[in-house]
PDB file of N, CA and C in Angstrom:
ATOM      1  N   ILE A   1     130.947 137.086 153.561  1.00  0.00           N
ATOM      2  CA  ILE A   1     131.114 136.928 154.995  1.00  0.00           C
ATOM      3  C   ILE A   1     129.755 136.697 155.652  1.00  0.00           C
ATOM      4  N   LEU A   2     128.737 137.406 155.177  1.00  0.00           N
ATOM      5  CA  LEU A   2     127.405 137.250 155.775  1.00  0.00           C
ATOM      6  C   LEU A   2     126.853 135.846 155.564  1.00  0.00           C
ATOM      7  N   THR A   3     127.050 135.299 154.364  1.00  0.00           N
ATOM      8  CA  THR A   3     126.543 133.945 154.130  1.00  0.00           C
ATOM      9  C   THR A   3     127.269 132.942 155.016  1.00  0.00           C
ATOM     10  N   GLY A   4     128.563 133.160 155.241  1.00  0.00           N
ATOM     11  CA  GLY A   4     129.315 132.285 156.137  1.00  0.00           C
ATOM     12  C   GLY A   4     128.805 132.349 157.564  1.00  0.00           C
ATOM     13  N   LEU A   5     128.437 133.540 158.009  1.00  0.00           N
ATOM     14  CA  LEU A   5     127.868 133.672 159.357  1.00  0.00           C
ATOM     15  C   LEU A   5     126.524 132.956 159.460  1.00  0.00           C
ATOM     16  N   PHE A   6     125.679 133.110 158.435  1.00  0.00           N
ATOM     17  CA  PHE A   6     124.389 132.417 158.456  1.00  0.00           C
ATOM     18  C   PHE A   6     124.572 130.899 158.432  1.00  0.00           C
ATOM     19  N   LEU A   7     125.545 130.418 157.659  1.00  0.00           N
ATOM     20  CA  LEU A   7     125.801 128.978 157.631  1.00  0.00           C
ATOM     21  C   LEU A   7     126.365 128.492 158.963  1.00  0.00           C
ATOM     22  N   ALA A   8     127.222 129.288 159.588  1.00  0.00           N
ATOM     23  CA  ALA A   8     127.829 128.893 160.858  1.00  0.00           C
ATOM     24  C   ALA A   8     126.806 128.791 161.980  1.00  0.00           C
ATOM     25  N   MET A   9     125.689 129.498 161.840  1.00  0.00           N
ATOM     26  CA  MET A   9     124.645 129.417 162.865  1.00  0.00           C
ATOM     27  C   MET A   9     124.010 128.030 162.921  1.00  0.00           C
ATOM     28  N   HIS A  10     124.059 127.292 161.818  1.00  0.00           N
ATOM     29  CA  HIS A  10     123.398 125.988 161.758  1.00  0.00           C
ATOM     30  C   HIS A  10     124.372 124.823 161.629  1.00  0.00           C
ATOM     31  N   TYR A  11     125.665 125.104 161.457  1.00  0.00           N
ATOM     32  CA  TYR A  11     126.651 124.048 161.242  1.00  0.00           C
ATOM     33  C   TYR A  11     127.208 123.570 162.572  1.00  0.00           C
ATOM     34  N   THR A  12     127.382 122.261 162.702  1.00  0.00           N
ATOM     35  CA  THR A  12     128.059 121.698 163.872  1.00  0.00           C
ATOM     36  C   THR A  12     129.298 120.961 163.386  1.00  0.00           C
ATOM     37  N   SER A  13     130.392 121.112 164.088  1.00  0.00           N
ATOM     38  CA  SER A  13     131.654 120.528 163.637  1.00  0.00           C
ATOM     39  C   SER A  13     131.959 119.187 164.289  1.00  0.00           C
ATOM     40  N   ASP A  14     131.025 118.646 165.030  1.00  0.00           N
ATOM     41  CA  ASP A  14     131.220 117.342 165.653  1.00  0.00           C
ATOM     42  C   ASP A  14     131.303 116.273 164.569  1.00  0.00           C
ATOM     43  N   ILE A  15     132.171 115.291 164.760  1.00  0.00           N
ATOM     44  CA  ILE A  15     132.390 114.252 163.750  1.00  0.00           C
ATOM     45  C   ILE A  15     131.105 113.496 163.445  1.00  0.00           C
ATOM     46  N   ALA A  16     130.300 113.243 164.448  1.00  0.00           N
ATOM     47  CA  ALA A  16     129.091 112.439 164.249  1.00  0.00           C
ATOM     48  C   ALA A  16     127.967 113.212 163.563  1.00  0.00           C
ATOM     49  N   THR A  17     127.948 114.532 163.685  1.00  0.00           N
ATOM     50  CA  THR A  17     126.804 115.293 163.176  1.00  0.00           C
ATOM     51  C   THR A  17     127.149 116.318 162.094  1.00  0.00           C
ATOM     52  N   ALA A  18     128.404 116.375 161.654  1.00  0.00           N
ATOM     53  CA  ALA A  18     128.804 117.414 160.696  1.00  0.00           C
ATOM     54  C   ALA A  18     128.068 117.262 159.369  1.00  0.00           C
ATOM     55  N   PHE A  19     128.052 116.058 158.823  1.00  0.00           N
ATOM     56  CA  PHE A  19     127.411 115.869 157.517  1.00  0.00           C
ATOM     57  C   PHE A  19     125.905 116.073 157.606  1.00  0.00           C
ATOM     58  N   SER A  20     125.299 115.599 158.679  1.00  0.00           N
ATOM     59  CA  SER A  20     123.852 115.782 158.819  1.00  0.00           C
ATOM     60  C   SER A  20     123.491 117.251 159.048  1.00  0.00           C
ATOM     61  N   SER A  21     124.408 118.042 159.618  1.00  0.00           N
ATOM     62  CA  SER A  21     124.111 119.464 159.774  1.00  0.00           C
ATOM     63  C   SER A  21     124.118 120.176 158.423  1.00  0.00           C
ATOM     64  N   VAL A  22     124.960 119.734 157.490  1.00  0.00           N
ATOM     65  CA  VAL A  22     124.943 120.300 156.138  1.00  0.00           C
ATOM     66  C   VAL A  22     123.643 119.921 155.440  1.00  0.00           C
ATOM     67  N   ALA A  23     123.206 118.678 155.617  1.00  0.00           N
ATOM     68  CA  ALA A  23     121.918 118.265 155.055  1.00  0.00           C
ATOM     69  C   ALA A  23     120.781 119.061 155.689  1.00  0.00           C
ATOM     70  N   HIS A  24     120.877 119.328 156.974  1.00  0.00           N
ATOM     71  CA  HIS A  24     119.870 120.141 157.664  1.00  0.00           C
ATOM     72  C   HIS A  24     119.816 121.552 157.075  1.00  0.00           C
ATOM     73  N   ILE A  25     120.984 122.134 156.794  1.00  0.00           N
ATOM     74  CA  ILE A  25     121.020 123.478 156.208  1.00  0.00           C
ATOM     75  C   ILE A  25     120.319 123.477 154.856  1.00  0.00           C
ATOM     76  N   CYS A  26     120.592 122.471 154.041  1.00  0.00           N
ATOM     77  CA  CYS A  26     120.024 122.443 152.685  1.00  0.00           C
ATOM     78  C   CYS A  26     118.534 122.118 152.687  1.00  0.00           C
ATOM     79  N   ARG A  27     118.075 121.323 153.634  1.00  0.00           N
ATOM     80  CA  ARG A  27     116.687 120.851 153.596  1.00  0.00           C
ATOM     81  C   ARG A  27     115.744 121.609 154.518  1.00  0.00           C
ATOM     82  N   ASP A  28     116.176 121.926 155.722  1.00  0.00           N
ATOM     83  CA  ASP A  28     115.263 122.435 156.746  1.00  0.00           C
ATOM     84  C   ASP A  28     115.335 123.948 156.965  1.00  0.00           C
ATOM     85  N   VAL A  29     116.474 124.557 156.697  1.00  0.00           N
ATOM     86  CA  VAL A  29     116.624 125.999 156.903  1.00  0.00           C
ATOM     87  C   VAL A  29     115.994 126.725 155.719  1.00  0.00           C
ATOM     88  N   ASN A  30     115.232 127.788 156.002  1.00  0.00           N
ATOM     89  CA  ASN A  30     114.620 128.554 154.920  1.00  0.00           C
ATOM     90  C   ASN A  30     115.694 129.120 153.998  1.00  0.00           C
ATOM     91  N   TYR A  31     115.619 128.762 152.740  1.00  0.00           N
ATOM     92  CA  TYR A  31     116.583 129.173 151.718  1.00  0.00           C
ATOM     93  C   TYR A  31     118.011 128.791 152.088  1.00  0.00           C
ATOM     94  N   GLY A  32     118.191 127.716 152.837  1.00  0.00           N
ATOM     95  CA  GLY A  32     119.527 127.264 153.209  1.00  0.00           C
ATOM     96  C   GLY A  32     120.332 126.812 152.012  1.00  0.00           C
ATOM     97  N   TRP A  33     119.659 126.168 151.055  1.00  0.00           N
ATOM     98  CA  TRP A  33     120.344 125.737 149.837  1.00  0.00           C
ATOM     99  C   TRP A  33     120.854 126.941 149.053  1.00  0.00           C
ATOM    100  N   LEU A  34     120.078 128.027 149.051  1.00  0.00           N
ATOM    101  CA  LEU A  34     120.487 129.238 148.338  1.00  0.00           C
ATOM    102  C   LEU A  34     121.663 129.913 149.043  1.00  0.00           C
ATOM    103  N   ILE A  35     121.611 129.969 150.366  1.00  0.00           N
ATOM    104  CA  ILE A  35     122.705 130.583 151.129  1.00  0.00           C
ATOM    105  C   ILE A  35     123.988 129.791 150.921  1.00  0.00           C
ATOM    106  N   ARG A  36     123.884 128.459 150.921  1.00  0.00           N
ATOM    107  CA  ARG A  36     125.070 127.624 150.736  1.00  0.00           C
ATOM    108  C   ARG A  36     125.661 127.817 149.342  1.00  0.00           C
ATOM    109  N   ASN A  37     124.805 127.876 148.323  1.00  0.00           N
ATOM    110  CA  ASN A  37     125.298 128.083 146.960  1.00  0.00           C
ATOM    111  C   ASN A  37     125.886 129.480 146.779  1.00  0.00           C
ATOM    112  N   MET A  38     125.243 130.483 147.379  1.00  0.00           N
ATOM    113  CA  MET A  38     125.787 131.845 147.285  1.00  0.00           C
ATOM    114  C   MET A  38     127.148 131.938 147.969  1.00  0.00           C
ATOM    115  N   HIS A  39     127.308 131.225 149.075  1.00  0.00           N
ATOM    116  CA  HIS A  39     128.581 131.240 149.792  1.00  0.00           C
ATOM    117  C   HIS A  39     129.679 130.596 148.941  1.00  0.00           C
ATOM    118  N   ALA A  40     129.381 129.444 148.346  1.00  0.00           N
ATOM    119  CA  ALA A  40     130.382 128.749 147.529  1.00  0.00           C
ATOM    120  C   ALA A  40     130.734 129.556 146.282  1.00  0.00           C
ATOM    121  N   ASN A  41     129.728 130.085 145.597  1.00  0.00           N
ATOM    122  CA  ASN A  41     129.991 130.852 144.383  1.00  0.00           C
ATOM    123  C   ASN A  41     130.656 132.186 144.697  1.00  0.00           C
ATOM    124  N   GLY A  42     130.294 132.788 145.817  1.00  0.00           N
ATOM    125  CA  GLY A  42     130.940 134.038 146.214  1.00  0.00           C
ATOM    126  C   GLY A  42     132.411 133.839 146.527  1.00  0.00           C
ATOM    127  N   ALA A  43     132.733 132.721 147.171  1.00  0.00           N
ATOM    128  CA  ALA A  43     134.138 132.432 147.469  1.00  0.00           C
ATOM    129  C   ALA A  43     134.921 132.184 146.187  1.00  0.00           C
ATOM    130  N   SER A  44     134.326 131.466 145.247  1.00  0.00           N
ATOM    131  CA  SER A  44     134.996 131.234 143.964  1.00  0.00           C
ATOM    132  C   SER A  44     135.216 132.547 143.223  1.00  0.00           C
ATOM    133  N   PHE A  45     134.211 133.408 143.225  1.00  0.00           N
ATOM    134  CA  PHE A  45     134.335 134.701 142.553  1.00  0.00           C
ATOM    135  C   PHE A  45     135.396 135.568 143.225  1.00  0.00           C
ATOM    136  N   PHE A  46     135.499 135.478 144.548  1.00  0.00           N
ATOM    137  CA  PHE A  46     136.519 136.224 145.285  1.00  0.00           C
ATOM    138  C   PHE A  46     137.916 135.810 144.832  1.00  0.00           C
ATOM    139  N   PHE A  47     138.143 134.498 144.674  1.00  0.00           N
ATOM    140  CA  PHE A  47     139.457 134.032 144.232  1.00  0.00           C
ATOM    141  C   PHE A  47     139.714 134.397 142.775  1.00  0.00           C
ATOM    142  N   ILE A  48     138.686 134.387 141.938  1.00  0.00           N
ATOM    143  CA  ILE A  48     138.859 134.827 140.552  1.00  0.00           C
ATOM    144  C   ILE A  48     139.288 136.291 140.529  1.00  0.00           C
ATOM    145  N   CYS A  49     138.667 137.112 141.366  1.00  0.00           N
ATOM    146  CA  CYS A  49     139.055 138.533 141.441  1.00  0.00           C
ATOM    147  C   CYS A  49     140.500 138.690 141.908  1.00  0.00           C
ATOM    148  N   ILE A  50     140.928 137.863 142.851  1.00  0.00           N
ATOM    149  CA  ILE A  50     142.315 137.926 143.320  1.00  0.00           C
ATOM    150  C   ILE A  50     143.269 137.570 142.192  1.00  0.00           C
ATOM    151  N   TYR A  51     142.952 136.502 141.430  1.00  0.00           N
ATOM    152  CA  TYR A  51     143.831 136.093 140.333  1.00  0.00           C
ATOM    153  C   TYR A  51     143.865 137.149 139.231  1.00  0.00           C
ATOM    154  N   LEU A  52     142.737 137.795 138.951  1.00  0.00           N
ATOM    155  CA  LEU A  52     142.721 138.882 137.969  1.00  0.00           C
ATOM    156  C   LEU A  52     143.568 140.062 138.456  1.00  0.00           C
ATOM    157  N   HIS A  53     143.519 140.324 139.742  1.00  0.00           N
ATOM    158  CA  HIS A  53     144.310 141.413 140.318  1.00  0.00           C
ATOM    159  C   HIS A  53     145.807 141.110 140.194  1.00  0.00           C
ATOM    160  N   ILE A  54     146.188 139.863 140.419  1.00  0.00           N
ATOM    161  CA  ILE A  54     147.592 139.466 140.259  1.00  0.00           C
ATOM    162  C   ILE A  54     147.999 139.580 138.794  1.00  0.00           C
ATOM    163  N   GLY A  55     147.128 139.129 137.891  1.00  0.00           N
ATOM    164  CA  GLY A  55     147.420 139.230 136.464  1.00  0.00           C
ATOM    165  C   GLY A  55     147.592 140.672 136.014  1.00  0.00           C
ATOM    166  N   ARG A  56     146.768 141.560 136.545  1.00  0.00           N
ATOM    167  CA  ARG A  56     146.898 142.982 136.225  1.00  0.00           C
ATOM    168  C   ARG A  56     148.234 143.518 136.720  1.00  0.00           C
ATOM    169  N   GLY A  57     148.636 143.079 137.914  1.00  0.00           N
ATOM    170  CA  GLY A  57     149.929 143.507 138.444  1.00  0.00           C
ATOM    171  C   GLY A  57     151.093 143.007 137.613  1.00  0.00           C
ATOM    172  N   LEU A  58     150.985 141.780 137.103  1.00  0.00           N
ATOM    173  CA  LEU A  58     152.030 141.255 136.230  1.00  0.00           C
ATOM    174  C   LEU A  58     152.068 142.011 134.910  1.00  0.00           C
ATOM    175  N   TYR A  59     150.913 142.307 134.356  1.00  0.00           N
ATOM    176  CA  TYR A  59     150.834 142.996 133.066  1.00  0.00           C
ATOM    177  C   TYR A  59     151.436 144.397 133.141  1.00  0.00           C
ATOM    178  N   TYR A  60     151.131 145.117 134.202  1.00  0.00           N
ATOM    179  CA  TYR A  60     151.608 146.493 134.328  1.00  0.00           C
ATOM    180  C   TYR A  60     152.963 146.604 135.029  1.00  0.00           C
ATOM    181  N   GLY A  61     153.587 145.488 135.363  1.00  0.00           N
ATOM    182  CA  GLY A  61     154.929 145.519 135.942  1.00  0.00           C
ATOM    183  C   GLY A  61     154.987 145.935 137.397  1.00  0.00           C
ATOM    184  N   SER A  62     153.921 145.720 138.128  1.00  0.00           N
ATOM    185  CA  SER A  62     153.911 146.117 139.538  1.00  0.00           C
ATOM    186  C   SER A  62     154.812 145.240 140.401  1.00  0.00           C
ATOM    187  N   TYR A  63     155.267 144.121 139.854  1.00  0.00           N
ATOM    188  CA  TYR A  63     156.151 143.241 140.614  1.00  0.00           C
ATOM    189  C   TYR A  63     157.511 143.897 140.859  1.00  0.00           C
ATOM    190  N   LEU A  64     157.782 144.998 140.189  1.00  0.00           N
ATOM    191  CA  LEU A  64     159.042 145.710 140.412  1.00  0.00           C
ATOM    192  C   LEU A  64     159.069 146.411 141.763  1.00  0.00           C
ATOM    193  N   TYR A  65     157.901 146.683 142.333  1.00  0.00           N
ATOM    194  CA  TYR A  65     157.820 147.248 143.684  1.00  0.00           C
ATOM    195  C   TYR A  65     157.858 146.090 144.675  1.00  0.00           C
ATOM    196  N   LYS A  66     159.071 145.728 145.067  1.00  0.00           N
ATOM    197  CA  LYS A  66     159.299 144.489 145.818  1.00  0.00           C
ATOM    198  C   LYS A  66     158.487 144.410 147.112  1.00  0.00           C
ATOM    199  N   GLU A  67     158.508 145.467 147.902  1.00  0.00           N
ATOM    200  CA  GLU A  67     157.834 145.413 149.201  1.00  0.00           C
ATOM    201  C   GLU A  67     156.325 145.247 149.032  1.00  0.00           C
ATOM    202  N   THR A  68     155.756 146.012 148.128  1.00  0.00           N
ATOM    203  CA  THR A  68     154.316 145.914 147.888  1.00  0.00           C
ATOM    204  C   THR A  68     153.950 144.543 147.346  1.00  0.00           C
ATOM    205  N   TRP A  69     154.749 144.038 146.406  1.00  0.00           N
ATOM    206  CA  TRP A  69     154.462 142.738 145.806  1.00  0.00           C
ATOM    207  C   TRP A  69     154.573 141.630 146.851  1.00  0.00           C
ATOM    208  N   ASN A  70     155.589 141.700 147.716  1.00  0.00           N
ATOM    209  CA  ASN A  70     155.765 140.678 148.749  1.00  0.00           C
ATOM    210  C   ASN A  70     154.611 140.691 149.749  1.00  0.00           C
ATOM    211  N   ILE A  71     154.117 141.860 150.107  1.00  0.00           N
ATOM    212  CA  ILE A  71     152.965 141.938 151.008  1.00  0.00           C
ATOM    213  C   ILE A  71     151.744 141.319 150.341  1.00  0.00           C
ATOM    214  N   GLY A  72     151.572 141.574 149.042  1.00  0.00           N
ATOM    215  CA  GLY A  72     150.462 140.974 148.305  1.00  0.00           C
ATOM    216  C   GLY A  72     150.552 139.460 148.259  1.00  0.00           C
ATOM    217  N   VAL A  73     151.753 138.939 148.062  1.00  0.00           N
ATOM    218  CA  VAL A  73     151.939 137.482 148.051  1.00  0.00           C
ATOM    219  C   VAL A  73     151.635 136.898 149.423  1.00  0.00           C
ATOM    220  N   ILE A  74     152.065 137.571 150.473  1.00  0.00           N
ATOM    221  CA  ILE A  74     151.773 137.104 151.834  1.00  0.00           C
ATOM    222  C   ILE A  74     150.266 137.098 152.080  1.00  0.00           C
ATOM    223  N   LEU A  75     149.575 138.157 151.643  1.00  0.00           N
ATOM    224  CA  LEU A  75     148.117 138.202 151.801  1.00  0.00           C
ATOM    225  C   LEU A  75     147.438 137.090 151.012  1.00  0.00           C
ATOM    226  N   LEU A  76     147.919 136.819 149.798  1.00  0.00           N
ATOM    227  CA  LEU A  76     147.362 135.723 149.002  1.00  0.00           C
ATOM    228  C   LEU A  76     147.531 134.390 149.725  1.00  0.00           C
ATOM    229  N   LEU A  77     148.714 134.146 150.255  1.00  0.00           N
ATOM    230  CA  LEU A  77     148.948 132.891 150.971  1.00  0.00           C
ATOM    231  C   LEU A  77     148.080 132.789 152.220  1.00  0.00           C
ATOM    232  N   LEU A  78     147.904 133.890 152.939  1.00  0.00           N
ATOM    233  CA  LEU A  78     147.041 133.872 154.127  1.00  0.00           C
ATOM    234  C   LEU A  78     145.589 133.585 153.757  1.00  0.00           C
ATOM    235  N   VAL A  79     145.115 134.173 152.669  1.00  0.00           N
ATOM    236  CA  VAL A  79     143.740 133.919 152.227  1.00  0.00           C
ATOM    237  C   VAL A  79     143.577 132.460 151.815  1.00  0.00           C
ATOM    238  N   MET A  80     144.565 131.918 151.115  1.00  0.00           N
ATOM    239  CA  MET A  80     144.484 130.517 150.691  1.00  0.00           C
ATOM    240  C   MET A  80     144.542 129.575 151.893  1.00  0.00           C
ATOM    241  N   MET A  81     145.374 129.890 152.879  1.00  0.00           N
ATOM    242  CA  MET A  81     145.440 129.051 154.079  1.00  0.00           C
ATOM    243  C   MET A  81     144.134 129.120 154.868  1.00  0.00           C
ATOM    244  N   THR A  82     143.553 130.297 154.954  1.00  0.00           N
ATOM    245  CA  THR A  82     142.276 130.447 155.659  1.00  0.00           C
ATOM    246  C   THR A  82     141.184 129.652 154.962  1.00  0.00           C
ATOM    247  N   ALA A  83     141.158 129.710 153.632  1.00  0.00           N
ATOM    248  CA  ALA A  83     140.165 128.946 152.880  1.00  0.00           C
ATOM    249  C   ALA A  83     140.376 127.448 153.082  1.00  0.00           C
ATOM    250  N   PHE A  84     141.631 127.015 153.140  1.00  0.00           N
ATOM    251  CA  PHE A  84     141.914 125.596 153.346  1.00  0.00           C
ATOM    252  C   PHE A  84     141.431 125.143 154.718  1.00  0.00           C
ATOM    253  N   VAL A  85     141.741 125.925 155.740  1.00  0.00           N
ATOM    254  CA  VAL A  85     141.343 125.555 157.103  1.00  0.00           C
ATOM    255  C   VAL A  85     139.824 125.593 157.257  1.00  0.00           C
ATOM    256  N   GLY A  86     139.176 126.548 156.604  1.00  0.00           N
ATOM    257  CA  GLY A  86     137.736 126.698 156.769  1.00  0.00           C
ATOM    258  C   GLY A  86     136.900 125.804 155.889  1.00  0.00           C
ATOM    259  N   TYR A  87     137.469 125.274 154.807  1.00  0.00           N
ATOM    260  CA  TYR A  87     136.668 124.478 153.884  1.00  0.00           C
ATOM    261  C   TYR A  87     137.168 123.047 153.766  1.00  0.00           C
ATOM    262  N   VAL A  88     138.429 122.858 153.446  1.00  0.00           N
ATOM    263  CA  VAL A  88     138.949 121.520 153.169  1.00  0.00           C
ATOM    264  C   VAL A  88     139.008 120.677 154.435  1.00  0.00           C
ATOM    265  N   LEU A  89     139.492 121.229 155.524  1.00  0.00           N
ATOM    266  CA  LEU A  89     139.619 120.440 156.747  1.00  0.00           C
ATOM    267  C   LEU A  89     138.277 119.998 157.331  1.00  0.00           C
ATOM    268  N   PRO A  90     137.238 120.857 157.383  1.00  0.00           N
ATOM    269  CA  PRO A  90     135.950 120.351 157.886  1.00  0.00           C
ATOM    270  C   PRO A  90     135.363 119.246 157.015  1.00  0.00           C
ATOM    271  N   TRP A  91     135.510 119.333 155.693  1.00  0.00           N
ATOM    272  CA  TRP A  91     134.983 118.271 154.833  1.00  0.00           C
ATOM    273  C   TRP A  91     135.802 116.993 154.983  1.00  0.00           C
ATOM    274  N   GLY A  92     137.096 117.129 155.246  1.00  0.00           N
ATOM    275  CA  GLY A  92     137.903 115.943 155.510  1.00  0.00           C
ATOM    276  C   GLY A  92     137.510 115.276 156.814  1.00  0.00           C
ATOM    277  N   GLN A  93     137.036 116.061 157.762  1.00  0.00           N
ATOM    278  CA  GLN A  93     136.586 115.511 159.038  1.00  0.00           C
ATOM    279  C   GLN A  93     135.309 114.703 158.857  1.00  0.00           C
ATOM    280  N   MET A  94     134.460 115.145 157.919  1.00  0.00           N
ATOM    281  CA  MET A  94     133.199 114.432 157.712  1.00  0.00           C
ATOM    282  C   MET A  94     133.460 113.108 157.042  1.00  0.00           C
TER     283      MET A  94
END
């Protein structure tokens, strides 16, 4: 979350300047390239942890607790939708 806040301080979502703001982060901001890489790798690691957590639930039969499992599925879908809106849509705009 912290790396996302630091990146958001320098990112502009305007169609004309979005790509150049990413280049600005990587080139002109102190350790901007490191913050951007840490943010991307941290997000990937977060999703790996979520998938491992789901796998553990499948292995131990936690899917039998319907209400808990359904809440977990809803949370997974919300996290995936948030990631889509925050990552895929801005890059599609560029």
